[in-house]
């Protein structure tokens, strides 16, 4: 089984190398053939990354040695070997804890970030999908049209104009906590909570706005980026105890080859660690893989490379246990993600963001280019051991 996985990943890496534009390559002054250019490019990057091993070990190695008992000299030997064999850099080695592998050939199952970006672009060129759902407004509308449960929309703001949603009573802001976000930015950029104190809304900047002033404020913000305003959602109890304040959300990544049924690639839960408005992995949050069969959480990790060796068995703020916690309504959330990939005309691989709330399981948004690092780091879950590889090879007819 492992040999077949290694072979499939080898075929996929060959596709990547054949379509990679190499925009960061060294300057080629000689009129070489494509084959010679390819060989030089491959050797250049592998040797360069091997030479960077000592600096990387000096930066990240001591913490790995302290936590996992892997000697610095052993880390350096492995780093050089992986750089020369697969072209992997130190970021790959330390993010995915490749120093813990019993067989270094299993490192080949991890998909580098650049490889994921290039293959996704190539995949889109072959399938020509409708990517309009990357606009959060359009995604919400498409979910409603398809009968999928989605977070309510109170109002949309665009270039100073306001369009009231169906969830706004009499075109006024409801007397409750609210949440606003740009419709096209990612990683939680620009998101804000608005806490209702009985008469006004308290923003992230500790400034209070009466309802009319908040509408004006969001109209002004929308002159730079369109915004959505929604009710602030709350997790069900067991998940609310595993966040520092922001809504904890599931990222469920699925794939669907035309003519076949949708399949799960992987899932993880994001949990905030600061009293900010979002739980994003990119902004310091925790992520724990969800076991598909049971809905149980694995040990949680953080994305920053200097923290990648650390395990979090309990939430660092609430102290609630993470490992083994069962996601409420997990089977429903998974079924909704798979059903959405059947009903919506979308790209081959999608990262669906859902929340298990006091109002039920709701779609929050979706991502047509889910991050390879976030998808593989929680639970050390390489894409090469999932339907990811099979999907690419099938669509590209390799």
Protein backbone atom coordinates (compact mmCIF):
# COMPACT_ATOMS: atom_id res chain seq x y z
CA UNK A 1 0.00 0.00 0.00
CA UNK A 2 2.73 2.46 0.96
CA UNK A 3 4.69 1.66 -2.18
CA UNK A 4 1.63 2.50 -4.31
CA UNK A 5 1.23 5.81 -2.53
CA UNK A 6 4.90 6.66 -3.07
CA UNK A 7 4.60 5.79 -6.76
CA UNK A 8 1.46 7.92 -7.22
CA UNK A 9 3.12 10.88 -5.54
CA UNK A 10 6.14 10.40 -7.78
CA UNK A 11 3.87 10.66 -10.83
CA UNK A 12 2.21 13.77 -9.42
CA UNK A 13 5.58 15.42 -8.70
CA UNK A 14 6.55 14.75 -12.31
CA UNK A 15 3.40 16.60 -13.44
CA UNK A 16 4.27 19.48 -11.15
CA UNK A 17 7.81 19.75 -12.50
CA UNK A 18 6.54 19.71 -16.08
CA UNK A 19 4.12 22.62 -15.54
CA UNK A 20 6.02 24.65 -12.95
CA UNK A 21 6.88 28.03 -14.40
CA UNK A 22 9.87 28.41 -12.10
CA UNK A 23 9.36 32.12 -11.49
CA UNK A 24 11.96 32.10 -8.70
CA UNK A 25 14.57 30.24 -10.70
CA UNK A 26 18.11 31.54 -11.26
CA UNK A 27 18.78 33.41 -14.49
CA UNK A 28 19.51 31.13 -17.43
CA UNK A 29 21.91 32.93 -19.74
CA UNK A 30 22.90 30.00 -21.93
CA UNK A 31 20.58 28.84 -24.73
CA UNK A 32 19.98 25.46 -23.11
CA UNK A 33 17.47 22.85 -24.15
CA UNK A 34 14.37 22.42 -22.00
CA UNK A 35 15.75 19.16 -20.64
CA UNK A 36 19.05 20.74 -19.61
CA UNK A 37 17.27 23.70 -18.08
CA UNK A 38 15.02 21.37 -16.07
CA UNK A 39 17.98 19.37 -14.75
CA UNK A 40 19.86 22.50 -13.75
CA UNK A 41 16.81 23.94 -12.00
CA UNK A 42 16.32 20.72 -10.04
CA UNK A 43 19.95 20.52 -8.97
CA UNK A 44 20.15 24.23 -8.13
CA UNK A 45 17.27 24.20 -5.67
CA UNK A 46 18.15 20.89 -4.04
CA UNK A 47 21.75 21.91 -3.42
CA UNK A 48 20.71 25.34 -2.19
CA UNK A 49 18.29 23.86 0.35
CA UNK A 50 20.86 21.31 1.49
CA UNK A 51 23.33 24.14 2.16
CA UNK A 52 20.72 25.94 4.29
CA UNK A 53 20.37 22.99 6.68
CA UNK A 54 22.89 24.15 9.34
CA UNK A 55 21.18 27.53 9.78
CA UNK A 56 17.74 25.90 10.05
CA UNK A 57 18.95 23.37 12.61
CA UNK A 58 20.50 26.15 14.68
CA UNK A 59 17.17 28.01 14.65
CA UNK A 60 14.60 25.25 15.20
CA UNK A 61 16.66 22.21 16.17
CA UNK A 62 17.21 22.86 19.90
CA UNK A 63 13.46 22.89 20.61
CA UNK A 64 12.98 19.67 18.65
CA UNK A 65 15.85 18.05 20.55
CA UNK A 66 14.35 19.20 23.87
CA UNK A 67 10.80 18.01 23.09
CA UNK A 68 11.43 14.92 20.99
CA UNK A 69 15.01 13.90 21.78
CA UNK A 70 16.24 14.08 18.16
CA UNK A 71 19.95 15.05 18.17
CA UNK A 72 20.96 18.12 16.19
CA UNK A 73 23.40 16.17 14.05
CA UNK A 74 20.65 13.69 13.13
CA UNK A 75 18.31 16.54 12.18
CA UNK A 76 20.96 18.02 9.91
CA UNK A 77 21.63 14.70 8.17
CA UNK A 78 17.93 14.18 7.55
CA UNK A 79 17.47 17.74 6.28
CA UNK A 80 20.29 17.35 3.77
CA UNK A 81 18.97 13.97 2.62
CA UNK A 82 15.41 15.28 2.13
CA UNK A 83 16.67 18.34 0.28
CA UNK A 84 18.73 16.25 -2.13
CA UNK A 85 16.11 13.51 -2.57
CA UNK A 86 12.87 15.50 -2.77
CA UNK A 87 13.90 19.15 -2.84
CA UNK A 88 12.30 19.74 0.58
CA UNK A 89 13.31 22.77 2.62
CA UNK A 90 13.54 23.26 6.37
CA UNK A 91 9.99 24.61 6.52
CA UNK A 92 8.67 21.24 5.33
CA UNK A 93 10.94 19.30 7.69
CA UNK A 94 9.96 21.16 10.86
CA UNK A 95 6.32 21.91 10.05
CA UNK A 96 5.43 18.27 9.39
CA UNK A 97 7.82 16.84 11.98
CA UNK A 98 9.56 14.69 9.42
CA UNK A 99 12.21 13.97 12.06
CA UNK A 100 9.67 11.60 13.65
CA UNK A 101 9.18 9.37 10.61
CA UNK A 102 10.28 5.76 10.85
CA UNK A 103 10.77 5.67 7.07
CA UNK A 104 11.90 8.91 5.40
CA UNK A 105 10.26 7.77 2.17
CA UNK A 106 6.94 8.70 3.82
CA UNK A 107 8.08 12.33 3.68
CA UNK A 108 7.36 12.20 -0.05
CA UNK A 109 3.63 11.98 0.73
CA UNK A 110 3.54 15.60 1.90
CA UNK A 111 2.68 18.17 -0.76
CA UNK A 112 4.83 21.33 -0.67
CA UNK A 113 3.02 24.65 -0.69
CA UNK A 114 4.31 25.69 -4.10
CA UNK A 115 3.44 22.32 -5.62
CA UNK A 116 -0.11 22.67 -4.32
CA UNK A 117 -0.48 26.17 -5.79
CA UNK A 118 0.87 25.18 -9.20
CA UNK A 119 -1.23 22.00 -9.42
CA UNK A 120 -4.40 23.81 -8.32
CA UNK A 121 -3.88 26.43 -11.03
CA UNK A 122 -3.25 23.70 -13.59
CA UNK A 123 -6.31 21.80 -12.37
CA UNK A 124 -8.52 24.86 -12.76
CA UNK A 125 -7.29 25.33 -16.32
CA UNK A 126 -8.41 21.77 -17.10
CA UNK A 127 -11.82 21.92 -15.38
CA UNK A 128 -12.76 25.62 -15.77
CA UNK A 129 -14.82 25.68 -12.56
CA UNK A 130 -17.15 28.40 -11.36
CA UNK A 131 -15.21 30.15 -8.59
CA UNK A 132 -17.81 32.79 -7.73
CA UNK A 133 -18.36 31.17 -4.34
CA UNK A 134 -15.04 32.68 -3.24
CA UNK A 135 -17.11 35.85 -2.88
CA UNK A 136 -18.73 35.31 0.52
CA UNK A 137 -21.94 37.08 -0.54
CA UNK A 138 -22.37 34.88 -3.58
CA UNK A 139 -21.50 31.78 -1.61
CA UNK A 140 -24.22 32.54 0.95
CA UNK A 141 -26.74 33.15 -1.84
CA UNK A 142 -25.83 29.93 -3.63
CA UNK A 143 -26.17 27.93 -0.41
CA UNK A 144 -29.63 29.36 0.19
CA UNK A 145 -30.66 28.61 -3.39
CA UNK A 146 -29.40 25.02 -3.02
CA UNK A 147 -31.20 24.50 0.28
CA UNK A 148 -27.98 24.31 2.32
CA UNK A 149 -27.94 25.83 5.85
CA UNK A 150 -25.80 28.95 5.85
CA UNK A 151 -25.06 31.73 8.34
CA UNK A 152 -27.73 34.48 8.06
CA UNK A 153 -26.91 37.79 6.35
CA UNK A 154 -28.34 41.00 7.84
CA UNK A 155 -26.87 43.44 5.33
CA UNK A 156 -24.28 43.80 2.59
CA UNK A 157 -22.22 46.95 2.08
CA UNK A 158 -20.54 47.84 -1.21
CA UNK A 159 -18.95 51.17 -2.21
CA UNK A 160 -20.94 53.05 0.41
CA UNK A 161 -24.26 51.42 -0.45
CA UNK A 162 -26.28 49.06 1.74
CA UNK A 163 -28.45 46.13 0.70
CA UNK A 164 -30.54 44.68 3.51
CA UNK A 165 -30.71 40.92 3.75
CA UNK A 166 -33.73 38.74 4.35
CA UNK A 167 -32.67 38.31 7.99
CA UNK A 168 -32.97 42.05 8.77
CA UNK A 169 -36.30 42.96 10.33
CA UNK A 170 -37.69 46.21 8.91
CA UNK A 171 -34.26 47.14 7.55
CA UNK A 172 -32.78 47.87 10.97
CA UNK A 173 -29.94 46.31 12.94
CA UNK A 174 -31.14 43.73 15.46
CA UNK A 175 -30.43 44.31 19.18
CA UNK A 176 -27.88 41.50 19.50
CA UNK A 177 -24.17 40.82 18.99
CA UNK A 178 -23.12 41.12 15.32
CA UNK A 179 -20.17 40.12 13.16
CA UNK A 180 -18.82 41.86 10.05
CA UNK A 181 -16.22 40.73 7.51
CA UNK A 182 -14.93 41.68 4.05
CA UNK A 183 -16.47 39.49 1.36
CA UNK A 184 -13.25 38.70 -0.52
CA UNK A 185 -10.35 38.83 1.97
CA UNK A 186 -8.98 35.67 3.55
CA UNK A 187 -7.47 34.52 6.86
CA UNK A 188 -9.91 36.62 8.90
CA UNK A 189 -8.55 39.94 7.67
CA UNK A 190 -10.84 42.86 8.50
CA UNK A 191 -13.31 40.83 10.58
CA UNK A 192 -14.92 42.48 13.63
CA UNK A 193 -17.33 41.61 16.40
CA UNK A 194 -19.94 44.11 17.59
CA UNK A 195 -21.10 43.43 21.15
CA UNK A 196 -24.57 44.75 21.99
CA UNK A 197 -24.73 46.41 25.43
CA UNK A 198 -28.44 47.18 25.40
CA UNK A 199 -28.26 50.48 23.52
CA UNK A 200 -25.08 50.48 21.41
CA UNK A 201 -22.53 48.19 19.74
CA UNK A 202 -19.00 47.87 21.15
CA UNK A 203 -16.38 47.29 18.46
CA UNK A 204 -12.90 45.77 18.54
CA UNK A 205 -11.47 49.27 18.98
CA UNK A 206 -13.54 49.73 22.20
CA UNK A 207 -15.58 52.47 20.49
CA UNK A 208 -19.35 52.28 20.90
CA UNK A 209 -21.68 52.85 17.97
CA UNK A 210 -25.43 53.35 18.01
CA UNK A 211 -27.20 51.41 15.21
CA UNK A 212 -27.23 54.34 12.78
CA UNK A 213 -23.55 55.10 13.41
CA UNK A 214 -22.57 51.46 12.86
CA UNK A 215 -24.33 51.45 9.49
CA UNK A 216 -22.44 54.60 8.51
CA UNK A 217 -19.16 53.07 9.71
CA UNK A 218 -19.64 49.92 7.63
CA UNK A 219 -20.67 51.97 4.62
CA UNK A 220 -17.39 53.88 4.91
CA UNK A 221 -15.37 50.66 5.21
CA UNK A 222 -17.07 49.26 2.12
CA UNK A 223 -15.58 51.97 -0.06
CA UNK A 224 -12.33 49.95 0.18
CA UNK A 225 -13.73 46.40 0.39
CA UNK A 226 -17.32 45.12 0.24
CA UNK A 227 -18.54 43.89 3.64
CA UNK A 228 -21.14 41.51 5.05
CA UNK A 229 -22.91 41.95 8.38
CA UNK A 230 -24.21 38.85 10.15
CA UNK A 231 -25.45 37.79 13.58
CA UNK A 232 -22.62 36.75 15.82
CA UNK A 233 -22.87 32.96 16.07
CA UNK A 234 -22.09 30.96 19.22
CA UNK A 235 -20.71 27.41 19.39
CA UNK A 236 -22.53 24.67 21.24
CA UNK A 237 -21.23 24.22 24.79
CA UNK A 238 -18.49 21.61 24.33
CA UNK A 239 -16.87 23.67 21.56
CA UNK A 240 -17.47 27.02 23.25
CA UNK A 241 -15.22 25.75 26.07
CA UNK A 242 -12.41 25.21 23.56
CA UNK A 243 -12.09 28.72 22.22
CA UNK A 244 -10.91 32.01 23.70
CA UNK A 245 -13.90 33.90 22.32
CA UNK A 246 -14.10 33.61 18.54
CA UNK A 247 -16.37 31.10 16.82
CA UNK A 248 -14.57 27.75 16.43
CA UNK A 249 -15.01 26.46 12.89
CA UNK A 250 -14.50 23.22 11.02
CA UNK A 251 -12.51 23.11 7.80
CA UNK A 252 -13.71 20.07 5.84
CA UNK A 253 -11.85 19.58 2.55
CA UNK A 254 -13.56 17.45 -0.09
CA UNK A 255 -12.89 16.45 -3.66
CA UNK A 256 -15.12 15.46 -6.54
CA UNK A 257 -14.01 14.26 -9.95
CA UNK A 258 -16.64 14.83 -12.66
CA UNK A 259 -18.76 11.70 -12.93
CA UNK A 260 -17.88 10.45 -9.45
CA UNK A 261 -19.21 11.06 -5.95
CA UNK A 262 -17.66 13.55 -3.52
CA UNK A 263 -14.97 12.29 -1.12
CA UNK A 264 -13.36 13.55 2.06
CA UNK A 265 -9.70 14.60 1.97
CA UNK A 266 -9.47 15.70 5.60
CA UNK A 267 -10.93 17.86 8.36
CA UNK A 268 -9.73 19.89 11.30
CA UNK A 269 -11.17 22.21 13.94
CA UNK A 270 -9.80 25.74 14.43
CA UNK A 271 -9.84 27.23 17.93
CA UNK A 272 -8.90 30.77 18.91
CA UNK A 273 -6.32 31.40 21.63
CA UNK A 274 -6.83 35.15 22.04
CA UNK A 275 -9.92 37.28 22.53
CA UNK A 276 -10.00 38.31 18.89
CA UNK A 277 -12.82 38.08 16.37
CA UNK A 278 -11.55 35.04 14.41
CA UNK A 279 -10.12 31.57 14.98
CA UNK A 280 -7.86 31.47 11.94
CA UNK A 281 -4.85 29.17 11.95
CA UNK A 282 -2.90 31.96 10.23
CA UNK A 283 -3.54 34.30 13.15
CA UNK A 284 -2.23 32.17 15.99
CA UNK A 285 -5.15 29.83 16.53
CA UNK A 286 -4.97 26.13 17.29
CA UNK A 287 -5.93 23.39 14.84
CA UNK A 288 -6.74 19.78 15.66
CA UNK A 289 -7.47 17.05 13.13
CA UNK A 290 -10.91 15.42 13.26
CA UNK A 291 -10.99 11.64 13.04
CA UNK A 292 -13.50 11.05 10.20
CA UNK A 293 -15.03 7.85 11.58
CA UNK A 294 -15.69 9.14 15.10
CA UNK A 295 -15.52 12.95 15.02
CA UNK A 296 -12.86 12.88 17.77
CA UNK A 297 -10.16 15.54 17.95
CA UNK A 298 -6.46 14.74 17.85
CA UNK A 299 -3.76 16.74 19.59
CA UNK A 300 -3.79 20.42 18.56
CA UNK A 301 -0.91 22.34 16.99
CA UNK A 302 -0.02 25.89 15.95
CA UNK A 303 1.08 27.10 12.55
CA UNK A 304 4.11 29.34 13.30
CA UNK A 305 7.24 27.34 12.54
CA UNK A 306 8.95 28.09 15.86
CA UNK A 307 5.95 26.50 17.63
CA UNK A 308 5.41 23.58 15.24
CA UNK A 309 7.06 21.02 17.54
CA UNK A 310 4.62 21.71 20.38
CA UNK A 311 1.59 19.56 21.16
CA UNK A 312 -1.50 21.02 22.83
CA UNK A 313 -3.61 18.40 24.59
CA UNK A 314 -5.63 21.08 26.41
CA UNK A 315 -6.77 24.54 25.39
CA UNK A 316 -4.14 27.00 26.68
CA UNK A 317 -6.75 29.55 27.83
CA UNK A 318 -9.76 27.56 29.06
CA UNK A 319 -7.82 24.46 30.13
CA UNK A 320 -10.47 22.22 28.55
CA UNK A 321 -9.17 18.94 27.09
CA UNK A 322 -8.84 18.78 23.32
CA UNK A 323 -7.64 15.24 22.60
CA UNK A 324 -10.57 12.86 22.32
CA UNK A 325 -13.23 15.57 22.38
CA UNK A 326 -16.12 14.57 20.13
CA UNK A 327 -17.39 17.17 17.68
CA UNK A 328 -21.14 17.54 18.22
CA UNK A 329 -23.17 16.74 15.10
CA UNK A 330 -20.00 15.70 13.28
CA UNK A 331 -21.77 13.27 10.96
CA UNK A 332 -24.21 16.01 9.95
CA UNK A 333 -21.37 18.48 9.27
CA UNK A 334 -19.47 15.95 7.16
CA UNK A 335 -22.60 14.97 5.24
CA UNK A 336 -23.35 18.65 4.51
CA UNK A 337 -19.86 19.26 3.11
CA UNK A 338 -20.09 16.21 0.84
CA UNK A 339 -23.62 17.18 -0.23
CA UNK A 340 -22.54 20.75 -1.00
CA UNK A 341 -19.88 19.41 -3.34
CA UNK A 342 -22.58 17.41 -5.12
CA UNK A 343 -25.08 20.26 -5.43
CA UNK A 344 -22.87 23.25 -6.20
CA UNK A 345 -21.00 23.65 -9.47
CA UNK A 346 -17.57 24.21 -7.96
CA UNK A 347 -13.95 23.32 -8.47
CA UNK A 348 -12.59 19.79 -7.93
CA UNK A 349 -11.17 20.44 -4.43
CA UNK A 350 -12.92 22.70 -1.91
CA UNK A 351 -12.29 23.63 1.70
CA UNK A 352 -15.70 24.10 3.38
CA UNK A 353 -15.90 26.13 6.59
CA UNK A 354 -18.77 25.13 8.87
CA UNK A 355 -19.66 25.88 12.47
CA UNK A 356 -21.59 23.78 14.96
CA UNK A 357 -23.65 26.51 16.63
CA UNK A 358 -26.58 26.91 18.97
CA UNK A 359 -28.57 27.51 15.75
CA UNK A 360 -27.41 24.22 14.20
CA UNK A 361 -24.66 23.29 11.75
CA UNK A 362 -24.16 26.20 9.34
CA UNK A 363 -21.90 26.91 6.37
CA UNK A 364 -19.74 29.98 6.96
CA UNK A 365 -17.78 30.20 3.70
CA UNK A 366 -15.73 28.10 1.28
CA UNK A 367 -12.27 28.20 -0.24
CA UNK A 368 -11.42 26.98 -3.74
CA UNK A 369 -7.69 26.91 -2.90
CA UNK A 370 -7.44 25.45 0.61
CA UNK A 371 -4.02 25.88 2.20
CA UNK A 372 -1.83 22.79 1.91
CA UNK A 373 0.00 23.59 5.15
CA UNK A 374 -3.19 23.91 7.20
CA UNK A 375 -4.58 20.81 5.54
CA UNK A 376 -1.59 18.60 6.32
CA UNK A 377 -0.11 19.90 9.58
CA UNK A 378 -2.96 19.10 12.02
CA UNK A 379 -2.62 15.45 12.88
CA UNK A 380 0.33 15.14 10.46
CA UNK A 381 -2.04 14.13 7.68
CA UNK A 382 -0.18 14.12 4.32
CA UNK A 383 -2.25 14.78 1.21
CA UNK A 384 -0.45 11.94 -0.52
CA UNK A 385 -2.26 9.46 1.74
CA UNK A 386 -5.69 10.83 0.75
CA UNK A 387 -7.88 11.22 -2.32
CA UNK A 388 -5.89 14.37 -3.18
CA UNK A 389 -3.37 12.48 -5.32
CA UNK A 390 -5.91 10.23 -7.00
CA UNK A 391 -8.07 13.25 -7.87
CA UNK A 392 -5.26 15.14 -9.58
CA UNK A 393 -4.05 12.12 -11.51
CA UNK A 394 -7.60 11.30 -12.66
CA UNK A 395 -8.52 14.83 -13.78
CA UNK A 396 -5.18 15.41 -15.48
CA UNK A 397 -5.37 11.91 -17.03
CA UNK A 398 -1.85 11.02 -15.96
